[in-house]
Amino acid sequence: MYEYLEGEVAWRAPARVVLDVGGVGYDLLVPIGTRIPASGRTRVWSHLVVRETAHTLYGFGDRKEREWFRLLLEVRGVGPTMALAILSGLAPDDLVEAVLAGDAAALTRAKGVGKKTADQILLDLADKAAAWNEAQGAAPAGAAPAAADTSIEDAVGALLALGFKEKEARKNVERAAKEVDASDLEALVRVALR
């Protein structure tokens, strides 16, 4: 629902931040160590979890961190609290590395993650980690992503938001990229929806 919030940091703790956006304070739970400053103006990528008893906002220093939070939520047995705990102990790149290596021990270091849950994470996220790693390896280290790469990822994100499965969204966007200019996000999404 909320892609990101941009405003002044009103209060910061290791696992929480209150962001003042136009006079409204948004209380966000964040992974420990996320790149959100203690003061000043910032943008926080967000995810809203609606439960019967509460609406909880989660915040992240970048889109990559938020994307892995969402991928963790797709794993059976992993809820928002556990996903946040995992990302507090493992940065997204470290999480990808652990999943690719089948390192359950790295995952069980997070609070509340047992061997069974770690094995489920490894099983459910293996393909996504491999695809992520492949996509990240396509560009030289330190290079800014090309406009086409950014548009492709944004188009996949748009299809995911519309309810497509990850594999289907990527397939549709890759097909669309062959038909239209890959740097034109609007055209990519329009063709991918056909």
C-alpha atoms as a PDB file:
ATOM      1  CA  MET A   1       0.000   0.000   0.000  1.00  0.00           C
ATOM      2  CA  TYR A   2       2.770   2.443   0.953  1.00  0.00           C
ATOM      3  CA  GLU A   3       5.796   2.197  -1.337  1.00  0.00           C
ATOM      4  CA  TYR A   4       7.927   4.477   0.812  1.00  0.00           C
ATOM      5  CA  LEU A   5       7.655   7.306   3.316  1.00  0.00           C
ATOM      6  CA  GLU A   6       9.858  10.375   3.089  1.00  0.00           C
ATOM      7  CA  GLY A   7      10.281  12.825   5.932  1.00  0.00           C
ATOM      8  CA  GLU A   8      12.292  13.865   8.966  1.00  0.00           C
ATOM      9  CA  VAL A   9      13.487  11.284  11.463  1.00  0.00           C
ATOM     10  CA  ALA A  10      11.761  12.296  14.701  1.00  0.00           C
ATOM     11  CA  TRP A  11      13.105   9.417  16.788  1.00  0.00           C
ATOM     12  CA  ARG A  12      15.409   6.468  16.146  1.00  0.00           C
ATOM     13  CA  ALA A  13      16.149   3.317  18.137  1.00  0.00           C
ATOM     14  CA  PRO A  14      18.013   0.212  16.942  1.00  0.00           C
ATOM     15  CA  ALA A  15      14.815  -1.548  15.801  1.00  0.00           C
ATOM     16  CA  ARG A  16      12.389   1.372  15.379  1.00  0.00           C
ATOM     17  CA  VAL A  17      12.139   4.715  13.700  1.00  0.00           C
ATOM     18  CA  VAL A  18       9.487   7.408  13.895  1.00  0.00           C
ATOM     19  CA  LEU A  19       9.315   9.358  10.660  1.00  0.00           C
ATOM     20  CA  ASP A  20       7.585  12.751  10.587  1.00  0.00           C
ATOM     21  CA  VAL A  21       5.865  13.038   7.213  1.00  0.00           C
ATOM     22  CA  GLY A  22       4.026  16.336   6.901  1.00  0.00           C
ATOM     23  CA  GLY A  23       3.286  16.523  10.615  1.00  0.00           C
ATOM     24  CA  VAL A  24       2.203  12.879  10.945  1.00  0.00           C
ATOM     25  CA  GLY A  25       4.537  10.545  12.862  1.00  0.00           C
ATOM     26  CA  TYR A  26       4.803   7.053  11.354  1.00  0.00           C
ATOM     27  CA  ASP A  27       6.172   4.413  13.735  1.00  0.00           C
ATOM     28  CA  LEU A  28       8.078   1.771  11.755  1.00  0.00           C
ATOM     29  CA  LEU A  29       9.749  -1.413  12.925  1.00  0.00           C
ATOM     30  CA  VAL A  30      13.106  -1.801  11.170  1.00  0.00           C
ATOM     31  CA  PRO A  31      15.869  -4.421  11.008  1.00  0.00           C
ATOM     32  CA  ILE A  32      18.730  -3.712  13.385  1.00  0.00           C
ATOM     33  CA  GLY A  33      21.544  -2.243  11.337  1.00  0.00           C
ATOM     34  CA  THR A  34      19.411  -1.000   8.457  1.00  0.00           C
ATOM     35  CA  ARG A  35      20.745   2.116   6.752  1.00  0.00           C
ATOM     36  CA  ILE A  36      18.363   4.705   8.165  1.00  0.00           C
ATOM     37  CA  PRO A  37      20.010   7.750   9.765  1.00  0.00           C
ATOM     38  CA  ALA A  38      19.365   8.841  13.345  1.00  0.00           C
ATOM     39  CA  SER A  39      18.295  12.325  12.228  1.00  0.00           C
ATOM     40  CA  GLY A  40      17.585  14.433   9.175  1.00  0.00           C
ATOM     41  CA  ARG A  41      15.456  13.873   6.100  1.00  0.00           C
ATOM     42  CA  THR A  42      15.305  10.358   4.681  1.00  0.00           C
ATOM     43  CA  ARG A  43      13.281   7.938   2.607  1.00  0.00           C
ATOM     44  CA  VAL A  44      12.185   4.667   4.196  1.00  0.00           C
ATOM     45  CA  TRP A  45      10.873   1.823   2.004  1.00  0.00           C
ATOM     46  CA  SER A  46       7.850   0.359   3.734  1.00  0.00           C
ATOM     47  CA  HIS A  47       5.652  -2.696   4.068  1.00  0.00           C
ATOM     48  CA  LEU A  48       2.284  -2.681   5.856  1.00  0.00           C
ATOM     49  CA  VAL A  49       1.085  -5.792   7.672  1.00  0.00           C
ATOM     50  CA  VAL A  50      -2.610  -5.777   8.542  1.00  0.00           C
ATOM     51  CA  ARG A  51      -3.761  -8.057  11.310  1.00  0.00           C
ATOM     52  CA  GLU A  52      -7.052  -8.257  13.139  1.00  0.00           C
ATOM     53  CA  THR A  53      -5.514  -6.581  16.183  1.00  0.00           C
ATOM     54  CA  ALA A  54      -3.027  -4.174  14.583  1.00  0.00           C
ATOM     55  CA  HIS A  55      -1.729  -2.450  11.479  1.00  0.00           C
ATOM     56  CA  THR A  56       2.072  -2.540  11.611  1.00  0.00           C
ATOM     57  CA  LEU A  57       4.467  -0.655   9.363  1.00  0.00           C
ATOM     58  CA  TYR A  58       7.895  -2.117   8.660  1.00  0.00           C
ATOM     59  CA  GLY A  59      10.643   0.090   7.283  1.00  0.00           C
ATOM     60  CA  PHE A  60      13.815  -0.598   5.316  1.00  0.00           C
ATOM     61  CA  GLY A  61      16.816   1.417   4.219  1.00  0.00           C
ATOM     62  CA  ASP A  62      16.525   0.270   0.614  1.00  0.00           C
ATOM     63  CA  ARG A  63      14.265  -1.636  -1.771  1.00  0.00           C
ATOM     64  CA  LYS A  64      16.495  -4.713  -1.790  1.00  0.00           C
ATOM     65  CA  GLU A  65      16.103  -5.168   1.955  1.00  0.00           C
ATOM     66  CA  ARG A  66      12.335  -4.761   1.688  1.00  0.00           C
ATOM     67  CA  GLU A  67      12.138  -7.223  -1.203  1.00  0.00           C
ATOM     68  CA  TRP A  68      13.898  -9.900   0.842  1.00  0.00           C
ATOM     69  CA  PHE A  69      11.563  -9.202   3.755  1.00  0.00           C
ATOM     70  CA  ARG A  70       8.638  -9.868   1.408  1.00  0.00           C
ATOM     71  CA  LEU A  71      10.266 -13.015   0.028  1.00  0.00           C
ATOM     72  CA  LEU A  72      10.787 -14.308   3.574  1.00  0.00           C
ATOM     73  CA  LEU A  73       7.096 -13.696   4.318  1.00  0.00           C
ATOM     74  CA  GLU A  74       6.225 -16.123   1.499  1.00  0.00           C
ATOM     75  CA  VAL A  75       7.981 -18.961   3.350  1.00  0.00           C
ATOM     76  CA  ARG A  76       5.669 -21.214   5.352  1.00  0.00           C
ATOM     77  CA  GLY A  77       6.242 -20.607   9.057  1.00  0.00           C
ATOM     78  CA  VAL A  78       7.908 -17.202   8.668  1.00  0.00           C
ATOM     79  CA  GLY A  79       5.992 -14.165   9.877  1.00  0.00           C
ATOM     80  CA  PRO A  80       6.981 -10.498   9.964  1.00  0.00           C
ATOM     81  CA  THR A  81       8.725 -10.714  13.346  1.00  0.00           C
ATOM     82  CA  MET A  82      10.885 -13.628  12.250  1.00  0.00           C
ATOM     83  CA  ALA A  83      11.624 -12.050   8.840  1.00  0.00           C
ATOM     84  CA  LEU A  84      12.729  -8.877  10.634  1.00  0.00           C
ATOM     85  CA  ALA A  85      14.929 -10.926  12.987  1.00  0.00           C
ATOM     86  CA  ILE A  86      16.566 -12.683  10.032  1.00  0.00           C
ATOM     87  CA  LEU A  87      17.288  -9.376   8.278  1.00  0.00           C
ATOM     88  CA  SER A  88      18.617  -7.944  11.540  1.00  0.00           C
ATOM     89  CA  GLY A  89      21.261 -10.681  11.547  1.00  0.00           C
ATOM     90  CA  LEU A  90      21.892 -11.043   7.819  1.00  0.00           C
ATOM     91  CA  ALA A  91      22.080  -8.272   5.239  1.00  0.00           C
ATOM     92  CA  PRO A  92      20.270  -9.206   1.990  1.00  0.00           C
ATOM     93  CA  ASP A  93      23.528 -10.132   0.229  1.00  0.00           C
ATOM     94  CA  ASP A  94      24.539 -12.335   3.186  1.00  0.00           C
ATOM     95  CA  LEU A  95      21.091 -13.929   3.180  1.00  0.00           C
ATOM     96  CA  VAL A  96      21.413 -14.739  -0.536  1.00  0.00           C
ATOM     97  CA  GLU A  97      24.860 -16.208   0.102  1.00  0.00           C
ATOM     98  CA  ALA A  98      23.547 -18.337   2.990  1.00  0.00           C
ATOM     99  CA  VAL A  99      20.626 -19.634   0.913  1.00  0.00           C
ATOM    100  CA  LEU A 100      22.844 -20.443  -2.080  1.00  0.00           C
ATOM    101  CA  ALA A 101      25.322 -22.239   0.188  1.00  0.00           C
ATOM    102  CA  GLY A 102      22.540 -24.131   1.997  1.00  0.00           C
ATOM    103  CA  ASP A 103      23.839 -22.665   5.271  1.00  0.00           C
ATOM    104  CA  ALA A 104      21.024 -23.410   7.731  1.00  0.00           C
ATOM    105  CA  ALA A 105      23.319 -22.539  10.643  1.00  0.00           C
ATOM    106  CA  ALA A 106      23.528 -18.912   9.488  1.00  0.00           C
ATOM    107  CA  LEU A 107      19.733 -18.697   9.502  1.00  0.00           C
ATOM    108  CA  THR A 108      19.281 -20.373  12.902  1.00  0.00           C
ATOM    109  CA  ARG A 109      21.348 -17.620  14.519  1.00  0.00           C
ATOM    110  CA  ALA A 110      18.319 -15.346  14.128  1.00  0.00           C
ATOM    111  CA  LYS A 111      15.977 -15.308  17.108  1.00  0.00           C
ATOM    112  CA  GLY A 112      13.112 -17.775  16.726  1.00  0.00           C
ATOM    113  CA  VAL A 113      14.505 -19.600  13.677  1.00  0.00           C
ATOM    114  CA  GLY A 114      14.869 -23.310  14.293  1.00  0.00           C
ATOM    115  CA  LYS A 115      16.382 -25.980  12.052  1.00  0.00           C
ATOM    116  CA  LYS A 116      13.017 -26.887  10.480  1.00  0.00           C
ATOM    117  CA  THR A 117      12.234 -23.274   9.578  1.00  0.00           C
ATOM    118  CA  ALA A 118      15.779 -22.693   8.297  1.00  0.00           C
ATOM    119  CA  ASP A 119      15.459 -25.748   6.049  1.00  0.00           C
ATOM    120  CA  GLN A 120      12.104 -24.454   4.756  1.00  0.00           C
ATOM    121  CA  ILE A 121      13.678 -21.069   3.967  1.00  0.00           C
ATOM    122  CA  LEU A 122      16.513 -22.778   2.091  1.00  0.00           C
ATOM    123  CA  LEU A 123      14.035 -24.880   0.128  1.00  0.00           C
ATOM    124  CA  ASP A 124      11.578 -22.074  -0.711  1.00  0.00           C
ATOM    125  CA  LEU A 125      14.105 -19.363  -1.531  1.00  0.00           C
ATOM    126  CA  ALA A 126      16.809 -21.346  -3.374  1.00  0.00           C
ATOM    127  CA  ASP A 127      15.504 -20.485  -6.859  1.00  0.00           C
ATOM    128  CA  LYS A 128      14.822 -16.861  -5.937  1.00  0.00           C
ATOM    129  CA  ALA A 129      18.309 -16.456  -4.442  1.00  0.00           C
ATOM    130  CA  ALA A 130      19.893 -17.968  -7.562  1.00  0.00           C
ATOM    131  CA  ALA A 131      17.880 -15.651  -9.829  1.00  0.00           C
ATOM    132  CA  TRP A 132      18.713 -12.669  -7.618  1.00  0.00           C
ATOM    133  CA  ASN A 133      22.403 -13.540  -7.614  1.00  0.00           C
ATOM    134  CA  GLU A 134      22.394 -13.967 -11.392  1.00  0.00           C
ATOM    135  CA  ALA A 135      20.674 -10.605 -11.873  1.00  0.00           C
ATOM    136  CA  GLN A 136      23.135  -8.884  -9.546  1.00  0.00           C
ATOM    137  CA  GLY A 137      26.107 -10.533 -11.253  1.00  0.00           C
ATOM    138  CA  ALA A 138      25.048  -9.225 -14.660  1.00  0.00           C
ATOM    139  CA  ALA A 139      26.387  -5.750 -13.883  1.00  0.00           C
ATOM    140  CA  PRO A 140      30.029  -5.062 -12.943  1.00  0.00           C
ATOM    141  CA  ALA A 141      30.589  -4.457  -9.245  1.00  0.00           C
ATOM    142  CA  GLY A 142      30.050  -0.824  -8.315  1.00  0.00           C
ATOM    143  CA  ALA A 143      28.429   0.034 -11.634  1.00  0.00           C
ATOM    144  CA  ALA A 144      25.128   1.867 -11.640  1.00  0.00           C
ATOM    145  CA  PRO A 145      22.289  -0.281 -13.013  1.00  0.00           C
ATOM    146  CA  ALA A 146      21.341   0.445 -16.592  1.00  0.00           C
ATOM    147  CA  ALA A 147      17.979   2.117 -17.208  1.00  0.00           C
ATOM    148  CA  ALA A 148      16.743  -1.076 -18.893  1.00  0.00           C
ATOM    149  CA  ASP A 149      17.712  -3.233 -15.886  1.00  0.00           C
ATOM    150  CA  THR A 150      15.956  -0.846 -13.518  1.00  0.00           C
ATOM    151  CA  SER A 151      12.845  -0.755 -15.708  1.00  0.00           C
ATOM    152  CA  ILE A 152      12.768  -4.549 -15.937  1.00  0.00           C
ATOM    153  CA  GLU A 153      12.962  -4.912 -12.146  1.00  0.00           C
ATOM    154  CA  ASP A 154      10.323  -2.212 -11.671  1.00  0.00           C
ATOM    155  CA  ALA A 155       8.056  -3.943 -14.210  1.00  0.00           C
ATOM    156  CA  VAL A 156       8.457  -7.256 -12.374  1.00  0.00           C
ATOM    157  CA  GLY A 157       7.609  -5.445  -9.142  1.00  0.00           C
ATOM    158  CA  ALA A 158       4.497  -3.967 -10.743  1.00  0.00           C
ATOM    159  CA  LEU A 159       3.295  -7.409 -11.855  1.00  0.00           C
ATOM    160  CA  LEU A 160       4.000  -8.847  -8.404  1.00  0.00           C
ATOM    161  CA  ALA A 161       1.893  -6.055  -6.908  1.00  0.00           C
ATOM    162  CA  LEU A 162      -0.907  -7.064  -9.274  1.00  0.00           C
ATOM    163  CA  GLY A 163      -0.829 -10.625  -7.930  1.00  0.00           C
ATOM    164  CA  PHE A 164       1.436 -12.396 -10.416  1.00  0.00           C
ATOM    165  CA  LYS A 165       3.794 -15.098  -9.136  1.00  0.00           C
ATOM    166  CA  GLU A 166       7.502 -14.217  -9.326  1.00  0.00           C
ATOM    167  CA  LYS A 167       8.326 -16.743 -12.058  1.00  0.00           C
ATOM    168  CA  GLU A 168       5.360 -15.736 -14.235  1.00  0.00           C
ATOM    169  CA  ALA A 169       6.076 -12.016 -13.761  1.00  0.00           C
ATOM    170  CA  ARG A 170       9.728 -12.411 -14.818  1.00  0.00           C
ATOM    171  CA  LYS A 171       8.776 -14.536 -17.828  1.00  0.00           C
ATOM    172  CA  ASN A 172       6.183 -11.989 -19.005  1.00  0.00           C
ATOM    173  CA  VAL A 173       8.545  -9.030 -18.534  1.00  0.00           C
ATOM    174  CA  GLU A 174      11.417 -10.806 -20.320  1.00  0.00           C
ATOM    175  CA  ARG A 175       9.062 -11.527 -23.244  1.00  0.00           C
ATOM    176  CA  ALA A 176       7.926  -7.896 -23.252  1.00  0.00           C
ATOM    177  CA  ALA A 177      11.550  -6.654 -23.206  1.00  0.00           C
ATOM    178  CA  LYS A 178      12.094  -8.435 -26.533  1.00  0.00           C
ATOM    179  CA  GLU A 179       9.114  -6.628 -28.079  1.00  0.00           C
ATOM    180  CA  VAL A 180       9.527  -3.067 -26.761  1.00  0.00           C
ATOM    181  CA  ASP A 181      12.284  -0.769 -25.497  1.00  0.00           C
ATOM    182  CA  ALA A 182      13.357  -2.335 -22.184  1.00  0.00           C
ATOM    183  CA  SER A 183      13.994   1.088 -20.623  1.00  0.00           C
ATOM    184  CA  ASP A 184      10.347   2.140 -21.156  1.00  0.00           C
ATOM    185  CA  LEU A 185       8.655   0.965 -17.951  1.00  0.00           C
ATOM    186  CA  GLU A 186       5.110   1.804 -19.028  1.00  0.00           C
ATOM    187  CA  ALA A 187       5.451  -0.098 -22.325  1.00  0.00           C
ATOM    188  CA  LEU A 188       7.054  -3.071 -20.562  1.00  0.00           C
ATOM    189  CA  VAL A 189       4.189  -3.403 -18.104  1.00  0.00           C
ATOM    190  CA  ARG A 190       1.532  -2.904 -20.764  1.00  0.00           C
ATOM    191  CA  VAL A 191       3.008  -5.627 -23.026  1.00  0.00           C
ATOM    192  CA  ALA A 192       3.739  -7.946 -20.083  1.00  0.00           C
ATOM    193  CA  LEU A 193       0.061  -7.836 -19.101  1.00  0.00           C
ATOM    194  CA  ARG A 194      -1.059  -9.181 -22.509  1.00  0.00           C
END
